[in-house]
Amino acid sequence: MGLWILLEGFLLFTNALAILNEDRFLAPRGWTLATMTGPTRNSLKGQVIGLIYACQFLRLPLILLNIITIIVKLFSG
């Protein structure tokens, strides 16, 4: 397993986090930023929620990374 495949895996995981819908998936499970107040924000659940929202916030760089990955895959086979 090379470094490129590992980076592709992280990119796919980040894409999966970026497309999670807050109303349909996160809110019914209590995984919104509104529910994380006070000291619970530094818990593991709070950190995961922060990671999900960071991935959703950085969608434009994700789109660019996906385009670069597709181009590299087209040329490298």
C-alpha atoms as a PDB file:
ATOM      1  CA  MET A   1       0.000   0.000   0.000  1.00  0.00           C
ATOM      2  CA  GLY A   2       1.577   3.194  -1.147  1.00  0.00           C
ATOM      3  CA  LEU A   3       1.311   6.734   0.053  1.00  0.00           C
ATOM      4  CA  TRP A   4      -0.897   7.684  -2.911  1.00  0.00           C
ATOM      5  CA  ILE A   5      -3.504   5.037  -2.022  1.00  0.00           C
ATOM      6  CA  LEU A   6      -3.466   6.182   1.604  1.00  0.00           C
ATOM      7  CA  LEU A   7      -4.050   9.788   0.507  1.00  0.00           C
ATOM      8  CA  GLU A   8      -6.889   8.659  -1.755  1.00  0.00           C
ATOM      9  CA  GLY A   9      -8.464   6.871   1.193  1.00  0.00           C
ATOM     10  CA  PHE A  10      -8.301  10.017   3.318  1.00  0.00           C
ATOM     11  CA  LEU A  11      -9.812  12.001   0.453  1.00  0.00           C
ATOM     12  CA  LEU A  12     -12.694   9.536   0.144  1.00  0.00           C
ATOM     13  CA  PHE A  13     -13.279   9.645   3.910  1.00  0.00           C
ATOM     14  CA  THR A  14     -13.289  13.450   3.859  1.00  0.00           C
ATOM     15  CA  ASN A  15     -15.757  13.400   0.960  1.00  0.00           C
ATOM     16  CA  ALA A  16     -18.010  11.097   2.959  1.00  0.00           C
ATOM     17  CA  LEU A  17     -17.983  13.490   5.920  1.00  0.00           C
ATOM     18  CA  ALA A  18     -18.575  16.509   3.685  1.00  0.00           C
ATOM     19  CA  ILE A  19     -21.806  15.177   2.189  1.00  0.00           C
ATOM     20  CA  LEU A  20     -23.534  14.325   5.475  1.00  0.00           C
ATOM     21  CA  ASN A  21     -26.807  16.230   5.638  1.00  0.00           C
ATOM     22  CA  GLU A  22     -27.412  18.002   8.940  1.00  0.00           C
ATOM     23  CA  ASP A  23     -31.223  17.875   8.817  1.00  0.00           C
ATOM     24  CA  ARG A  24     -31.582  14.276   7.655  1.00  0.00           C
ATOM     25  CA  PHE A  25     -28.667  12.546   9.346  1.00  0.00           C
ATOM     26  CA  LEU A  26     -26.934  14.573  12.039  1.00  0.00           C
ATOM     27  CA  ALA A  27     -29.805  16.338  13.828  1.00  0.00           C
ATOM     28  CA  PRO A  28     -31.899  13.224  14.634  1.00  0.00           C
ATOM     29  CA  ARG A  29     -28.843  11.696  16.294  1.00  0.00           C
ATOM     30  CA  GLY A  30     -27.932  14.828  18.263  1.00  0.00           C
ATOM     31  CA  TRP A  31     -24.742  15.480  16.310  1.00  0.00           C
ATOM     32  CA  THR A  32     -25.126  19.211  15.664  1.00  0.00           C
ATOM     33  CA  LEU A  33     -23.045  22.132  16.871  1.00  0.00           C
ATOM     34  CA  ALA A  34     -26.093  23.520  18.662  1.00  0.00           C
ATOM     35  CA  THR A  35     -26.165  20.520  21.000  1.00  0.00           C
ATOM     36  CA  MET A  36     -22.479  20.875  21.836  1.00  0.00           C
ATOM     37  CA  THR A  37     -22.180  23.587  24.445  1.00  0.00           C
ATOM     38  CA  GLY A  38     -19.869  24.047  27.381  1.00  0.00           C
ATOM     39  CA  PRO A  39     -17.356  21.367  28.386  1.00  0.00           C
ATOM     40  CA  THR A  40     -18.885  18.709  26.127  1.00  0.00           C
ATOM     41  CA  ARG A  41     -17.372  20.511  23.154  1.00  0.00           C
ATOM     42  CA  ASN A  42     -13.932  19.142  24.047  1.00  0.00           C
ATOM     43  CA  SER A  43     -15.144  15.550  24.304  1.00  0.00           C
ATOM     44  CA  LEU A  44     -14.526  12.971  21.598  1.00  0.00           C
ATOM     45  CA  LYS A  45     -18.061  13.464  20.255  1.00  0.00           C
ATOM     46  CA  GLY A  46     -17.516  17.219  20.143  1.00  0.00           C
ATOM     47  CA  GLN A  47     -14.236  16.788  18.277  1.00  0.00           C
ATOM     48  CA  VAL A  48     -15.881  14.480  15.717  1.00  0.00           C
ATOM     49  CA  ILE A  49     -18.706  16.974  15.201  1.00  0.00           C
ATOM     50  CA  GLY A  50     -16.112  19.708  14.677  1.00  0.00           C
ATOM     51  CA  LEU A  51     -14.340  17.528  12.111  1.00  0.00           C
ATOM     52  CA  ILE A  52     -17.611  16.922  10.242  1.00  0.00           C
ATOM     53  CA  TYR A  53     -18.396  20.630  10.114  1.00  0.00           C
ATOM     54  CA  ALA A  54     -14.827  21.472   9.063  1.00  0.00           C
ATOM     55  CA  CYS A  55     -15.122  19.026   6.150  1.00  0.00           C
ATOM     56  CA  GLN A  56     -18.426  20.580   5.150  1.00  0.00           C
ATOM     57  CA  PHE A  57     -16.931  24.067   5.355  1.00  0.00           C
ATOM     58  CA  LEU A  58     -13.981  23.162   3.113  1.00  0.00           C
ATOM     59  CA  ARG A  59     -15.976  21.829   0.176  1.00  0.00           C
ATOM     60  CA  LEU A  60     -14.271  23.975  -2.452  1.00  0.00           C
ATOM     61  CA  PRO A  61     -10.762  22.690  -1.656  1.00  0.00           C
ATOM     62  CA  LEU A  62     -12.228  19.163  -1.629  1.00  0.00           C
ATOM     63  CA  ILE A  63     -13.623  19.694  -5.108  1.00  0.00           C
ATOM     64  CA  LEU A  64     -10.213  20.871  -6.318  1.00  0.00           C
ATOM     65  CA  LEU A  65      -8.466  17.888  -4.700  1.00  0.00           C
ATOM     66  CA  ASN A  66     -10.968  15.535  -6.319  1.00  0.00           C
ATOM     67  CA  ILE A  67     -10.328  17.091  -9.734  1.00  0.00           C
ATOM     68  CA  ILE A  68      -6.564  16.761  -9.255  1.00  0.00           C
ATOM     69  CA  THR A  69      -6.969  13.131  -8.178  1.00  0.00           C
ATOM     70  CA  ILE A  70      -9.130  12.329 -11.188  1.00  0.00           C
ATOM     71  CA  ILE A  71      -6.635  13.945 -13.575  1.00  0.00           C
ATOM     72  CA  VAL A  72      -3.724  12.051 -12.025  1.00  0.00           C
ATOM     73  CA  LYS A  73      -5.658   8.789 -12.238  1.00  0.00           C
ATOM     74  CA  LEU A  74      -6.488   9.462 -15.888  1.00  0.00           C
ATOM     75  CA  PHE A  75      -2.871   9.979 -16.822  1.00  0.00           C
ATOM     76  CA  SER A  76      -1.304   7.308 -14.606  1.00  0.00           C
ATOM     77  CA  GLY A  77      -3.805   4.581 -15.359  1.00  0.00           C
END
